[in-house]
Each structure stands twice: as structure tokens, then as C-alpha cells.
Amino acid sequence: DSEHVVWPRRCGPEAASVADSLALARHLSEATALEGGGSPRTVQAPIIDLNESQVLELLLEANAPLGAAWPCEKDQTTPCGACDGSQRWQEAFRDLGQAWPWGEIQAV
């Protein structure tokens, strides 16, 4: 529902990355309270170790906007297609037998 957000985070082996992810989840929760003018949404940020194909599969199953897992490392509104992040997402689409939705992904 709209009061509950699940935001899986891939942090790797560094404890600082886990702490940063938890801090981001807390800030996201607080920001939703400001946006909605009420109480904060519950944000669950499970620490996961999924590859891009598995994350993409979860996004597709949840019918979530693909821009919610922004792949591009460039500061622009659509993926550049050339950076490491974009390349990994293109490979994930290929792994799942999906066409890369070039130009349809917008940053959320």
C-alpha cells in the first residue's frame, strides 16, 4: 500500500554502506511525512545481495517504475547507456529476455 515502502539495498561487505543505507531509509521516511503532510511511511530497507537481473525481476513483478532503481551514473533524465550502471542494467534486461526500454526510463 502507499503507506509502506520496501526498498531493498545492496550494500556489499562494508559496514559503512549498511549504515548509509539505513540513514537514507530514515530520511526517505521523514521526507514522505513532509510530502504527505502527515505521518511518515514505513520504509523497510532489507539488506540484500541480489544481482541486477534479480533486482530487475523484482521491479517488474511489483510493476514498479524502472526509474526507481536508476541505473545511470550520469546526471541526466534518461540513462546514457554507456556508463557501468547502464551497461549492467542492459545486461539484466537481456538476461530476462526483455528489450532495453531505451528512452522510456525516467529518473524518479
PDB file of N, CA and C in Angstrom:
ATOM      1  N   ASP A   1       0.826  -1.182   0.000  1.00  0.00           N
ATOM      2  CA  ASP A   1       0.000   0.000   0.000  1.00  0.00           C
ATOM      3  C   ASP A   1       0.869   1.242   0.000  1.00  0.00           C
ATOM      4  N   SER A   2       0.254   2.415  -0.108  1.00  0.00           N
ATOM      5  CA  SER A   2       1.033   3.643  -0.222  1.00  0.00           C
ATOM      6  C   SER A   2       1.657   4.085   1.098  1.00  0.00           C
ATOM      7  N   GLU A   3       1.310   3.449   2.199  1.00  0.00           N
ATOM      8  CA  GLU A   3       1.901   3.802   3.493  1.00  0.00           C
ATOM      9  C   GLU A   3       3.113   2.945   3.817  1.00  0.00           C
ATOM     10  N   HIS A   4       3.460   2.029   2.929  1.00  0.00           N
ATOM     11  CA  HIS A   4       4.529   1.088   3.202  1.00  0.00           C
ATOM     12  C   HIS A   4       5.454   1.008   1.992  1.00  0.00           C
ATOM     13  N   VAL A   5       6.739   1.222   2.206  1.00  0.00           N
ATOM     14  CA  VAL A   5       7.723   1.179   1.128  1.00  0.00           C
ATOM     15  C   VAL A   5       8.754   0.115   1.462  1.00  0.00           C
ATOM     16  N   VAL A   6       9.005  -0.798   0.525  1.00  0.00           N
ATOM     17  CA  VAL A   6      10.082  -1.763   0.679  1.00  0.00           C
ATOM     18  C   VAL A   6      11.168  -1.339  -0.294  1.00  0.00           C
ATOM     19  N   TRP A   7      12.347  -1.068   0.246  1.00  0.00           N
ATOM     20  CA  TRP A   7      13.449  -0.543  -0.537  1.00  0.00           C
ATOM     21  C   TRP A   7      14.674  -1.400  -0.312  1.00  0.00           C
ATOM     22  N   PRO A   8      14.789  -2.529  -1.029  1.00  0.00           N
ATOM     23  CA  PRO A   8      15.949  -3.410  -0.841  1.00  0.00           C
ATOM     24  C   PRO A   8      17.227  -2.684  -1.224  1.00  0.00           C
ATOM     25  N   ARG A   9      18.246  -2.881  -0.426  1.00  0.00           N
ATOM     26  CA  ARG A   9      19.519  -2.203  -0.645  1.00  0.00           C
ATOM     27  C   ARG A   9      20.645  -3.217  -0.734  1.00  0.00           C
ATOM     28  N   ARG A  10      21.457  -3.083  -1.733  1.00  0.00           N
ATOM     29  CA  ARG A  10      22.651  -3.908  -1.886  1.00  0.00           C
ATOM     30  C   ARG A  10      23.829  -3.099  -1.373  1.00  0.00           C
ATOM     31  N   CYS A  11      24.430  -3.541  -0.299  1.00  0.00           N
ATOM     32  CA  CYS A  11      25.448  -2.743   0.380  1.00  0.00           C
ATOM     33  C   CYS A  11      26.856  -3.288   0.268  1.00  0.00           C
ATOM     34  N   GLY A  12      27.023  -4.525  -0.041  1.00  0.00           N
ATOM     35  CA  GLY A  12      28.355  -5.094  -0.078  1.00  0.00           C
ATOM     36  C   GLY A  12      28.866  -5.369   1.331  1.00  0.00           C
ATOM     37  N   PRO A  13      30.153  -5.648   1.462  1.00  0.00           N
ATOM     38  CA  PRO A  13      30.687  -6.100   2.743  1.00  0.00           C
ATOM     39  C   PRO A  13      31.042  -4.986   3.734  1.00  0.00           C
ATOM     40  N   GLU A  14      30.936  -3.723   3.337  1.00  0.00           N
ATOM     41  CA  GLU A  14      31.370  -2.644   4.206  1.00  0.00           C
ATOM     42  C   GLU A  14      30.259  -2.184   5.147  1.00  0.00           C
ATOM     43  N   ALA A  15      30.569  -2.131   6.442  1.00  0.00           N
ATOM     44  CA  ALA A  15      29.587  -1.715   7.452  1.00  0.00           C
ATOM     45  C   ALA A  15      29.119  -0.291   7.207  1.00  0.00           C
ATOM     46  N   ALA A  16      29.993   0.569   6.725  1.00  0.00           N
ATOM     47  CA  ALA A  16      29.610   1.957   6.472  1.00  0.00           C
ATOM     48  C   ALA A  16      28.513   2.043   5.411  1.00  0.00           C
ATOM     49  N   SER A  17      28.539   1.150   4.435  1.00  0.00           N
ATOM     50  CA  SER A  17      27.494   1.133   3.402  1.00  0.00           C
ATOM     51  C   SER A  17      26.146   0.761   3.988  1.00  0.00           C
ATOM     52  N   VAL A  18      26.150  -0.177   4.924  1.00  0.00           N
ATOM     53  CA  VAL A  18      24.902  -0.564   5.595  1.00  0.00           C
ATOM     54  C   VAL A  18      24.370   0.625   6.391  1.00  0.00           C
ATOM     55  N   ALA A  19      25.239   1.284   7.148  1.00  0.00           N
ATOM     56  CA  ALA A  19      24.819   2.449   7.938  1.00  0.00           C
ATOM     57  C   ALA A  19      24.281   3.557   7.037  1.00  0.00           C
ATOM     58  N   ASP A  20      24.935   3.805   5.912  1.00  0.00           N
ATOM     59  CA  ASP A  20      24.466   4.824   4.973  1.00  0.00           C
ATOM     60  C   ASP A  20      23.088   4.475   4.422  1.00  0.00           C
ATOM     61  N   SER A  21      22.865   3.203   4.096  1.00  0.00           N
ATOM     62  CA  SER A  21      21.576   2.769   3.563  1.00  0.00           C
ATOM     63  C   SER A  21      20.465   2.949   4.590  1.00  0.00           C
ATOM     64  N   LEU A  22      20.755   2.611   5.830  1.00  0.00           N
ATOM     65  CA  LEU A  22      19.747   2.780   6.881  1.00  0.00           C
ATOM     66  C   LEU A  22      19.435   4.256   7.108  1.00  0.00           C
ATOM     67  N   ALA A  23      20.451   5.101   7.051  1.00  0.00           N
ATOM     68  CA  ALA A  23      20.235   6.540   7.197  1.00  0.00           C
ATOM     69  C   ALA A  23      19.385   7.071   6.039  1.00  0.00           C
ATOM     70  N   LEU A  24      19.658   6.605   4.822  1.00  0.00           N
ATOM     71  CA  LEU A  24      18.852   7.026   3.677  1.00  0.00           C
ATOM     72  C   LEU A  24      17.398   6.596   3.827  1.00  0.00           C
ATOM     73  N   ALA A  25      17.170   5.382   4.323  1.00  0.00           N
ATOM     74  CA  ALA A  25      15.807   4.905   4.538  1.00  0.00           C
ATOM     75  C   ALA A  25      15.088   5.778   5.562  1.00  0.00           C
ATOM     76  N   ARG A  26      15.789   6.157   6.624  1.00  0.00           N
ATOM     77  CA  ARG A  26      15.188   7.025   7.639  1.00  0.00           C
ATOM     78  C   ARG A  26      14.820   8.379   7.030  1.00  0.00           C
ATOM     79  N   HIS A  27      15.735   8.953   6.234  1.00  0.00           N
ATOM     80  CA  HIS A  27      15.455  10.246   5.598  1.00  0.00           C
ATOM     81  C   HIS A  27      14.293  10.134   4.614  1.00  0.00           C
ATOM     82  N   LEU A  28      14.222   9.026   3.882  1.00  0.00           N
ATOM     83  CA  LEU A  28      13.114   8.813   2.951  1.00  0.00           C
ATOM     84  C   LEU A  28      11.797   8.780   3.704  1.00  0.00           C
ATOM     85  N   SER A  29      11.774   8.087   4.823  1.00  0.00           N
ATOM     86  CA  SER A  29      10.567   8.014   5.638  1.00  0.00           C
ATOM     87  C   SER A  29      10.151   9.400   6.112  1.00  0.00           C
ATOM     88  N   GLU A  30      11.108  10.179   6.594  1.00  0.00           N
ATOM     89  CA  GLU A  30      10.811  11.533   7.069  1.00  0.00           C
ATOM     90  C   GLU A  30      10.333  12.434   5.926  1.00  0.00           C
ATOM     91  N   ALA A  31      10.925  12.279   4.751  1.00  0.00           N
ATOM     92  CA  ALA A  31      10.524  13.089   3.600  1.00  0.00           C
ATOM     93  C   ALA A  31       9.099  12.791   3.170  1.00  0.00           C
ATOM     94  N   THR A  32       8.679  11.527   3.283  1.00  0.00           N
ATOM     95  CA  THR A  32       7.311  11.192   2.898  1.00  0.00           C
ATOM     96  C   THR A  32       6.304  11.843   3.834  1.00  0.00           C
ATOM     97  N   ALA A  33       6.686  12.070   5.088  1.00  0.00           N
ATOM     98  CA  ALA A  33       5.800  12.759   6.022  1.00  0.00           C
ATOM     99  C   ALA A  33       5.616  14.208   5.591  1.00  0.00           C
ATOM    100  N   LEU A  34       6.701  14.839   5.146  1.00  0.00           N
ATOM    101  CA  LEU A  34       6.612  16.220   4.678  1.00  0.00           C
ATOM    102  C   LEU A  34       5.768  16.311   3.416  1.00  0.00           C
ATOM    103  N   GLU A  35       5.976  15.345   2.522  1.00  0.00           N
ATOM    104  CA  GLU A  35       5.254  15.338   1.252  1.00  0.00           C
ATOM    105  C   GLU A  35       3.756  15.149   1.470  1.00  0.00           C
ATOM    106  N   GLY A  36       3.408  14.209   2.341  1.00  0.00           N
ATOM    107  CA  GLY A  36       2.005  13.895   2.554  1.00  0.00           C
ATOM    108  C   GLY A  36       1.338  14.720   3.629  1.00  0.00           C
ATOM    109  N   GLY A  37       2.114  15.519   4.344  1.00  0.00           N
ATOM    110  CA  GLY A  37       1.536  16.349   5.388  1.00  0.00           C
ATOM    111  C   GLY A  37       1.045  15.563   6.582  1.00  0.00           C
ATOM    112  N   GLY A  38       1.525  14.351   6.751  1.00  0.00           N
ATOM    113  CA  GLY A  38       1.054  13.526   7.849  1.00  0.00           C
ATOM    114  C   GLY A  38       2.174  12.736   8.471  1.00  0.00           C
ATOM    115  N   SER A  39       1.866  11.500   8.778  1.00  0.00           N
ATOM    116  CA  SER A  39       2.865  10.650   9.408  1.00  0.00           C
ATOM    117  C   SER A  39       3.759  10.016   8.336  1.00  0.00           C
ATOM    118  N   PRO A  40       4.980   9.681   8.714  1.00  0.00           N
ATOM    119  CA  PRO A  40       5.897   9.089   7.726  1.00  0.00           C
ATOM    120  C   PRO A  40       5.449   7.695   7.308  1.00  0.00           C
ATOM    121  N   ARG A  41       5.788   7.342   6.091  1.00  0.00           N
ATOM    122  CA  ARG A  41       5.536   5.978   5.635  1.00  0.00           C
ATOM    123  C   ARG A  41       6.537   5.049   6.292  1.00  0.00           C
ATOM    124  N   THR A  42       6.145   3.811   6.435  1.00  0.00           N
ATOM    125  CA  THR A  42       7.072   2.797   6.918  1.00  0.00           C
ATOM    126  C   THR A  42       7.997   2.434   5.776  1.00  0.00           C
ATOM    127  N   VAL A  43       9.295   2.523   6.011  1.00  0.00           N
ATOM    128  CA  VAL A  43      10.278   2.172   4.995  1.00  0.00           C
ATOM    129  C   VAL A  43      11.082   0.994   5.515  1.00  0.00           C
ATOM    130  N   GLN A  44      10.952  -0.134   4.844  1.00  0.00           N
ATOM    131  CA  GLN A  44      11.772  -1.299   5.160  1.00  0.00           C
ATOM    132  C   GLN A  44      12.904  -1.328   4.150  1.00  0.00           C
ATOM    133  N   ALA A  45      14.124  -1.427   4.642  1.00  0.00           N
ATOM    134  CA  ALA A  45      15.285  -1.440   3.765  1.00  0.00           C
ATOM    135  C   ALA A  45      16.089  -2.712   4.016  1.00  0.00           C
ATOM    136  N   PRO A  46      15.553  -3.859   3.573  1.00  0.00           N
ATOM    137  CA  PRO A  46      16.320  -5.085   3.795  1.00  0.00           C
ATOM    138  C   PRO A  46      17.635  -5.038   3.029  1.00  0.00           C
ATOM    139  N   ILE A  47      18.668  -5.512   3.677  1.00  0.00           N
ATOM    140  CA  ILE A  47      19.979  -5.581   3.049  1.00  0.00           C
ATOM    141  C   ILE A  47      20.023  -6.892   2.268  1.00  0.00           C
ATOM    142  N   ILE A  48      20.210  -6.785   0.976  1.00  0.00           N
ATOM    143  CA  ILE A  48      20.148  -7.960   0.117  1.00  0.00           C
ATOM    144  C   ILE A  48      21.430  -8.084  -0.694  1.00  0.00           C
ATOM    145  N   ASP A  49      21.621  -9.224  -1.234  1.00  0.00           N
ATOM    146  CA  ASP A  49      22.752  -9.445  -2.125  1.00  0.00           C
ATOM    147  C   ASP A  49      22.215 -10.065  -3.414  1.00  0.00           C
ATOM    148  N   LEU A  50      21.517  -9.229  -4.173  1.00  0.00           N
ATOM    149  CA  LEU A  50      20.943  -9.660  -5.443  1.00  0.00           C
ATOM    150  C   LEU A  50      21.710  -9.003  -6.570  1.00  0.00           C
ATOM    151  N   ASN A  51      21.791  -9.689  -7.692  1.00  0.00           N
ATOM    152  CA  ASN A  51      22.403  -9.060  -8.853  1.00  0.00           C
ATOM    153  C   ASN A  51      21.352  -8.205  -9.573  1.00  0.00           C
ATOM    154  N   GLU A  52      21.772  -7.465 -10.564  1.00  0.00           N
ATOM    155  CA  GLU A  52      20.862  -6.554 -11.267  1.00  0.00           C
ATOM    156  C   GLU A  52      19.677  -7.290 -11.892  1.00  0.00           C
ATOM    157  N   SER A  53      19.905  -8.493 -12.421  1.00  0.00           N
ATOM    158  CA  SER A  53      18.805  -9.254 -13.020  1.00  0.00           C
ATOM    159  C   SER A  53      17.741  -9.581 -11.981  1.00  0.00           C
ATOM    160  N   GLN A  54      18.168  -9.953 -10.782  1.00  0.00           N
ATOM    161  CA  GLN A  54      17.215 -10.288  -9.727  1.00  0.00           C
ATOM    162  C   GLN A  54      16.463  -9.044  -9.246  1.00  0.00           C
ATOM    163  N   VAL A  55      17.161  -7.915  -9.134  1.00  0.00           N
ATOM    164  CA  VAL A  55      16.501  -6.674  -8.739  1.00  0.00           C
ATOM    165  C   VAL A  55      15.504  -6.257  -9.815  1.00  0.00           C
ATOM    166  N   LEU A  56      15.905  -6.344 -11.071  1.00  0.00           N
ATOM    167  CA  LEU A  56      15.011  -6.002 -12.169  1.00  0.00           C
ATOM    168  C   LEU A  56      13.775  -6.891 -12.163  1.00  0.00           C
ATOM    169  N   GLU A  57      13.977  -8.179 -11.917  1.00  0.00           N
ATOM    170  CA  GLU A  57      12.845  -9.102 -11.858  1.00  0.00           C
ATOM    171  C   GLU A  57      11.864  -8.686 -10.761  1.00  0.00           C
ATOM    172  N   LEU A  58      12.378  -8.291  -9.594  1.00  0.00           N
ATOM    173  CA  LEU A  58      11.508  -7.816  -8.513  1.00  0.00           C
ATOM    174  C   LEU A  58      10.756  -6.555  -8.921  1.00  0.00           C
ATOM    175  N   LEU A  59      11.448  -5.625  -9.585  1.00  0.00           N
ATOM    176  CA  LEU A  59      10.792  -4.401 -10.040  1.00  0.00           C
ATOM    177  C   LEU A  59       9.665  -4.709 -11.022  1.00  0.00           C
ATOM    178  N   LEU A  60       9.948  -5.602 -11.963  1.00  0.00           N
ATOM    179  CA  LEU A  60       8.934  -5.950 -12.956  1.00  0.00           C
ATOM    180  C   LEU A  60       7.737  -6.647 -12.317  1.00  0.00           C
ATOM    181  N   GLU A  61       7.999  -7.556 -11.365  1.00  0.00           N
ATOM    182  CA  GLU A  61       6.911  -8.251 -10.678  1.00  0.00           C
ATOM    183  C   GLU A  61       6.052  -7.288  -9.868  1.00  0.00           C
ATOM    184  N   ALA A  62       6.681  -6.262  -9.283  1.00  0.00           N
ATOM    185  CA  ALA A  62       5.957  -5.288  -8.472  1.00  0.00           C
ATOM    186  C   ALA A  62       5.327  -4.191  -9.323  1.00  0.00           C
ATOM    187  N   ASN A  63       5.573  -4.245 -10.635  1.00  0.00           N
ATOM    188  CA  ASN A  63       5.084  -3.226 -11.551  1.00  0.00           C
ATOM    189  C   ASN A  63       5.549  -1.835 -11.108  1.00  0.00           C
ATOM    190  N   ALA A  64       6.762  -1.772 -10.573  1.00  0.00           N
ATOM    191  CA  ALA A  64       7.342  -0.522 -10.083  1.00  0.00           C
ATOM    192  C   ALA A  64       7.959   0.252 -11.243  1.00  0.00           C
ATOM    193  N   PRO A  65       8.028   1.563 -11.114  1.00  0.00           N
ATOM    194  CA  PRO A  65       8.683   2.334 -12.177  1.00  0.00           C
ATOM    195  C   PRO A  65      10.167   1.996 -12.244  1.00  0.00           C
ATOM    196  N   LEU A  66      10.661   1.719 -13.434  1.00  0.00           N
ATOM    197  CA  LEU A  66      12.052   1.320 -13.596  1.00  0.00           C
ATOM    198  C   LEU A  66      13.019   2.419 -13.159  1.00  0.00           C
ATOM    199  N   GLY A  67      12.599   3.648 -13.239  1.00  0.00           N
ATOM    200  CA  GLY A  67      13.435   4.754 -12.801  1.00  0.00           C
ATOM    201  C   GLY A  67      13.639   4.794 -11.293  1.00  0.00           C
ATOM    202  N   ALA A  68      12.876   3.976 -10.558  1.00  0.00           N
ATOM    203  CA  ALA A  68      13.049   3.908  -9.103  1.00  0.00           C
ATOM    204  C   ALA A  68      14.359   3.224  -8.750  1.00  0.00           C
ATOM    205  N   ALA A  69      14.902   2.463  -9.670  1.00  0.00           N
ATOM    206  CA  ALA A  69      16.207   1.815  -9.481  1.00  0.00           C
ATOM    207  C   ALA A  69      17.143   2.387 -10.527  1.00  0.00           C
ATOM    208  N   TRP A  70      17.326   3.684 -10.485  1.00  0.00           N
ATOM    209  CA  TRP A  70      18.048   4.426 -11.506  1.00  0.00           C
ATOM    210  C   TRP A  70      19.406   3.825 -11.806  1.00  0.00           C
ATOM    211  N   PRO A  71      19.643   3.376 -13.034  1.00  0.00           N
ATOM    212  CA  PRO A  71      20.895   2.694 -13.351  1.00  0.00           C
ATOM    213  C   PRO A  71      22.039   3.605 -13.755  1.00  0.00           C
ATOM    214  N   CYS A  72      21.743   4.789 -14.218  1.00  0.00           N
ATOM    215  CA  CYS A  72      22.762   5.625 -14.849  1.00  0.00           C
ATOM    216  C   CYS A  72      23.585   6.401 -13.827  1.00  0.00           C
ATOM    217  N   GLU A  73      24.861   6.496 -14.107  1.00  0.00           N
ATOM    218  CA  GLU A  73      25.780   7.229 -13.241  1.00  0.00           C
ATOM    219  C   GLU A  73      25.922   8.689 -13.674  1.00  0.00           C
ATOM    220  N   LYS A  74      25.288   9.065 -14.767  1.00  0.00           N
ATOM    221  CA  LYS A  74      25.337  10.441 -15.275  1.00  0.00           C
ATOM    222  C   LYS A  74      24.160  11.227 -14.701  1.00  0.00           C
ATOM    223  N   ASP A  75      24.315  12.529 -14.620  1.00  0.00           N
ATOM    224  CA  ASP A  75      23.257  13.397 -14.107  1.00  0.00           C
ATOM    225  C   ASP A  75      22.402  13.869 -15.276  1.00  0.00           C
ATOM    226  N   GLN A  76      21.458  13.023 -15.667  1.00  0.00           N
ATOM    227  CA  GLN A  76      20.561  13.350 -16.772  1.00  0.00           C
ATOM    228  C   GLN A  76      19.233  12.643 -16.546  1.00  0.00           C
ATOM    229  N   THR A  77      18.232  12.936 -17.366  1.00  0.00           N
ATOM    230  CA  THR A  77      16.893  12.402 -17.137  1.00  0.00           C
ATOM    231  C   THR A  77      16.659  11.015 -17.713  1.00  0.00           C
ATOM    232  N   THR A  78      17.492  10.583 -18.654  1.00  0.00           N
ATOM    233  CA  THR A  78      17.383   9.232 -19.196  1.00  0.00           C
ATOM    234  C   THR A  78      18.746   8.558 -19.121  1.00  0.00           C
ATOM    235  N   PRO A  79      18.798   7.228 -19.045  1.00  0.00           N
ATOM    236  CA  PRO A  79      20.089   6.537 -18.958  1.00  0.00           C
ATOM    237  C   PRO A  79      20.958   6.814 -20.179  1.00  0.00           C
ATOM    238  N   CYS A  80      22.268   6.988 -19.930  1.00  0.00           N
ATOM    239  CA  CYS A  80      23.194   7.272 -21.039  1.00  0.00           C
ATOM    240  C   CYS A  80      23.457   6.028 -21.876  1.00  0.00           C
ATOM    241  N   GLY A  81      23.376   4.853 -21.243  1.00  0.00           N
ATOM    242  CA  GLY A  81      23.624   3.609 -21.956  1.00  0.00           C
ATOM    243  C   GLY A  81      25.088   3.213 -22.016  1.00  0.00           C
ATOM    244  N   ALA A  82      25.987   4.115 -21.629  1.00  0.00           N
ATOM    245  CA  ALA A  82      27.413   3.842 -21.751  1.00  0.00           C
ATOM    246  C   ALA A  82      28.114   3.596 -20.414  1.00  0.00           C
ATOM    247  N   CYS A  83      27.588   4.146 -19.315  1.00  0.00           N
ATOM    248  CA  CYS A  83      28.259   4.001 -18.019  1.00  0.00           C
ATOM    249  C   CYS A  83      28.102   2.565 -17.503  1.00  0.00           C
ATOM    250  N   ASP A  84      28.872   2.222 -16.474  1.00  0.00           N
ATOM    251  CA  ASP A  84      28.819   0.868 -15.912  1.00  0.00           C
ATOM    252  C   ASP A  84      27.414   0.500 -15.433  1.00  0.00           C
ATOM    253  N   GLY A  85      26.737   1.432 -14.756  1.00  0.00           N
ATOM    254  CA  GLY A  85      25.386   1.156 -14.265  1.00  0.00           C
ATOM    255  C   GLY A  85      24.414   0.844 -15.392  1.00  0.00           C
ATOM    256  N   SER A  86      24.447   1.659 -16.434  1.00  0.00           N
ATOM    257  CA  SER A  86      23.568   1.415 -17.588  1.00  0.00           C
ATOM    258  C   SER A  86      23.899   0.093 -18.266  1.00  0.00           C
ATOM    259  N   GLN A  87      25.190  -0.206 -18.394  1.00  0.00           N
ATOM    260  CA  GLN A  87      25.598  -1.461 -19.027  1.00  0.00           C
ATOM    261  C   GLN A  87      25.094  -2.664 -18.227  1.00  0.00           C
ATOM    262  N   ARG A  88      25.202  -2.595 -16.883  1.00  0.00           N
ATOM    263  CA  ARG A  88      24.715  -3.708 -16.048  1.00  0.00           C
ATOM    264  C   ARG A  88      23.214  -3.884 -16.199  1.00  0.00           C
ATOM    265  N   TRP A  89      22.456  -2.775 -16.293  1.00  0.00           N
ATOM    266  CA  TRP A  89      21.010  -2.885 -16.454  1.00  0.00           C
ATOM    267  C   TRP A  89      20.644  -3.413 -17.835  1.00  0.00           C
ATOM    268  N   GLN A  90      21.378  -3.009 -18.857  1.00  0.00           N
ATOM    269  CA  GLN A  90      21.111  -3.556 -20.186  1.00  0.00           C
ATOM    270  C   GLN A  90      21.335  -5.064 -20.187  1.00  0.00           C
ATOM    271  N   GLU A  91      22.385  -5.508 -19.514  1.00  0.00           N
ATOM    272  CA  GLU A  91      22.657  -6.944 -19.408  1.00  0.00           C
ATOM    273  C   GLU A  91      21.550  -7.649 -18.623  1.00  0.00           C
ATOM    274  N   ALA A  92      21.047  -7.014 -17.580  1.00  0.00           N
ATOM    275  CA  ALA A  92      19.956  -7.606 -16.796  1.00  0.00           C
ATOM    276  C   ALA A  92      18.711  -7.782 -17.662  1.00  0.00           C
ATOM    277  N   PHE A  93      18.390  -6.789 -18.486  1.00  0.00           N
ATOM    278  CA  PHE A  93      17.244  -6.917 -19.390  1.00  0.00           C
ATOM    279  C   PHE A  93      17.459  -8.077 -20.345  1.00  0.00           C
ATOM    280  N   ARG A  94      18.674  -8.192 -20.889  1.00  0.00           N
ATOM    281  CA  ARG A  94      18.966  -9.311 -21.796  1.00  0.00           C
ATOM    282  C   ARG A  94      18.813 -10.645 -21.068  1.00  0.00           C
ATOM    283  N   ASP A  95      19.328 -10.728 -19.819  1.00  0.00           N
ATOM    284  CA  ASP A  95      19.230 -11.962 -19.035  1.00  0.00           C
ATOM    285  C   ASP A  95      17.783 -12.401 -18.849  1.00  0.00           C
ATOM    286  N   LEU A  96      16.883 -11.424 -18.732  1.00  0.00           N
ATOM    287  CA  LEU A  96      15.464 -11.736 -18.525  1.00  0.00           C
ATOM    288  C   LEU A  96      14.684 -11.820 -19.832  1.00  0.00           C
ATOM    289  N   GLY A  97      15.393 -11.696 -20.951  1.00  0.00           N
ATOM    290  CA  GLY A  97      14.724 -11.781 -22.250  1.00  0.00           C
ATOM    291  C   GLY A  97      13.836 -10.586 -22.526  1.00  0.00           C
ATOM    292  N   GLN A  98      14.184  -9.448 -21.945  1.00  0.00           N
ATOM    293  CA  GLN A  98      13.397  -8.225 -22.112  1.00  0.00           C
ATOM    294  C   GLN A  98      14.166  -7.246 -22.997  1.00  0.00           C
ATOM    295  N   ALA A  99      13.453  -6.440 -23.718  1.00  0.00           N
ATOM    296  CA  ALA A  99      14.083  -5.382 -24.504  1.00  0.00           C
ATOM    297  C   ALA A  99      14.435  -4.223 -23.572  1.00  0.00           C
ATOM    298  N   TRP A 100      15.617  -3.628 -23.775  1.00  0.00           N
ATOM    299  CA  TRP A 100      16.023  -2.450 -23.007  1.00  0.00           C
ATOM    300  C   TRP A 100      15.101  -1.293 -23.391  1.00  0.00           C
ATOM    301  N   PRO A 101      14.342  -0.747 -22.448  1.00  0.00           N
ATOM    302  CA  PRO A 101      13.363   0.298 -22.789  1.00  0.00           C
ATOM    303  C   PRO A 101      14.008   1.672 -22.921  1.00  0.00           C
ATOM    304  N   TRP A 102      14.909   1.785 -23.890  1.00  0.00           N
ATOM    305  CA  TRP A 102      15.683   2.995 -24.097  1.00  0.00           C
ATOM    306  C   TRP A 102      14.753   4.210 -24.233  1.00  0.00           C
ATOM    307  N   GLY A 103      15.023   5.244 -23.503  1.00  0.00           N
ATOM    308  CA  GLY A 103      14.226   6.463 -23.585  1.00  0.00           C
ATOM    309  C   GLY A 103      12.932   6.420 -22.807  1.00  0.00           C
ATOM    310  N   GLU A 104      12.517   5.230 -22.360  1.00  0.00           N
ATOM    311  CA  GLU A 104      11.278   5.127 -21.575  1.00  0.00           C
ATOM    312  C   GLU A 104      11.544   5.224 -20.087  1.00  0.00           C
ATOM    313  N   ILE A 105      12.782   4.956 -19.682  1.00  0.00           N
ATOM    314  CA  ILE A 105      13.133   5.013 -18.260  1.00  0.00           C
ATOM    315  C   ILE A 105      13.418   6.462 -17.901  1.00  0.00           C
ATOM    316  N   GLN A 106      12.739   6.969 -16.906  1.00  0.00           N
ATOM    317  CA  GLN A 106      12.954   8.318 -16.434  1.00  0.00           C
ATOM    318  C   GLN A 106      13.320   8.254 -14.951  1.00  0.00           C
ATOM    319  N   ALA A 107      14.221   9.113 -14.517  1.00  0.00           N
ATOM    320  CA  ALA A 107      14.609   9.160 -13.101  1.00  0.00           C
ATOM    321  C   ALA A 107      13.393   9.503 -12.264  1.00  0.00           C
ATOM    322  N   VAL A 108      13.260   8.799 -11.144  1.00  0.00           N
ATOM    323  CA  VAL A 108      12.152   9.046 -10.211  1.00  0.00           C
ATOM    324  C   VAL A 108      12.693   9.772  -9.018  1.00  0.00           C
TER     325      VAL A 108
END
